[in-house]
């Protein structure tokens, strides 16, 4: 399960609050996430495989990453 407390919604984009230099937090979140999928080896940046930093649903931002596995809330 994705812990949404570790992410903040920026206009429908769920961004990791701990940033791009928080490997322990990214690993802990990935251990809980049922959507984790290993990214291509050349895209992996963490030495520990099961990390949000190595996930195929991760898209880097300037200071963190966006999680594409978290679906944006829809409004009607």
Protein backbone atom coordinates (compact mmCIF):
# COMPACT_ATOMS: atom_id res chain seq x y z
CA UNK A 1 0.00 0.00 0.00
CA UNK A 2 1.29 3.44 -0.88
CA UNK A 3 1.65 5.68 2.16
CA UNK A 4 0.26 8.95 0.79
CA UNK A 5 1.64 10.81 3.80
CA UNK A 6 5.03 10.46 2.10
CA UNK A 7 3.74 12.31 -0.97
CA UNK A 8 2.25 15.72 -1.65
CA UNK A 9 -0.21 16.50 -4.43
CA UNK A 10 1.11 19.18 -6.80
CA UNK A 11 -1.71 19.79 -9.28
CA UNK A 12 -2.47 16.08 -9.59
CA UNK A 13 1.18 15.00 -9.54
CA UNK A 14 2.11 13.03 -6.42
CA UNK A 15 5.62 14.12 -5.39
CA UNK A 16 7.76 12.35 -2.78
CA UNK A 17 8.10 14.75 0.19
CA UNK A 18 11.53 13.50 1.28
CA UNK A 19 13.20 14.50 -1.98
CA UNK A 20 15.86 12.85 -4.09
CA UNK A 21 18.38 12.31 -1.30
CA UNK A 22 16.43 10.13 1.14
CA UNK A 23 17.24 6.54 0.23
CA UNK A 24 16.05 5.01 3.51
CA UNK A 25 12.61 6.59 3.14
CA UNK A 26 12.37 5.61 -0.54
CA UNK A 27 13.27 2.02 0.33
CA UNK A 28 10.75 1.85 3.18
CA UNK A 29 7.97 3.14 0.92
CA UNK A 30 8.87 0.68 -1.86
CA UNK A 31 8.71 -2.25 0.56
CA UNK A 32 5.07 -1.34 1.29
CA UNK A 33 4.08 -0.64 -2.31
CA UNK A 34 2.24 -3.31 -4.28
CA UNK A 35 2.80 -1.36 -7.52
CA UNK A 36 6.60 -1.43 -7.38
CA UNK A 37 8.11 -2.57 -10.65
CA UNK A 38 11.83 -2.61 -11.31
CA UNK A 39 12.94 0.08 -13.76
CA UNK A 40 15.50 -0.61 -16.49
CA UNK A 41 18.90 -1.32 -14.98
CA UNK A 42 20.48 1.74 -16.59
CA UNK A 43 17.80 3.94 -14.94
CA UNK A 44 18.38 2.59 -11.41
CA UNK A 45 20.22 4.87 -8.97
CA UNK A 46 19.89 3.09 -5.60
CA UNK A 47 22.14 0.12 -4.73
CA UNK A 48 19.13 -1.52 -3.05
CA UNK A 49 16.77 -2.76 -5.77
CA UNK A 50 13.48 -2.33 -3.88
CA UNK A 51 13.47 1.46 -3.70
CA UNK A 52 11.14 4.07 -5.14
CA UNK A 53 14.27 5.53 -6.74
CA UNK A 54 14.48 2.36 -8.88
CA UNK A 55 10.79 2.06 -9.72
CA UNK A 56 9.42 2.14 -13.24
CA UNK A 57 6.58 4.38 -12.03
CA UNK A 58 9.02 7.06 -10.82
CA UNK A 59 9.56 10.25 -12.82
CA UNK A 60 12.29 12.59 -11.62
CA UNK A 61 11.65 16.24 -10.83
CA UNK A 62 14.32 18.84 -10.06
CA UNK A 63 14.31 18.05 -6.34
CA UNK A 64 12.41 14.76 -5.94
CA UNK A 65 10.28 12.40 -8.00
CA UNK A 66 6.68 11.96 -9.02
CA UNK A 67 4.95 8.62 -8.37
CA UNK A 68 2.84 7.60 -11.38
CA UNK A 69 1.37 4.64 -9.47
CA UNK A 70 -0.75 7.02 -7.40
CA UNK A 71 -3.79 7.86 -9.45
CA UNK A 72 -4.96 11.47 -9.35
CA UNK A 73 -8.28 12.13 -7.69
CA UNK A 74 -10.98 12.90 -10.21
CA UNK A 75 -13.60 15.53 -9.67
CA UNK A 76 -16.96 15.89 -11.37
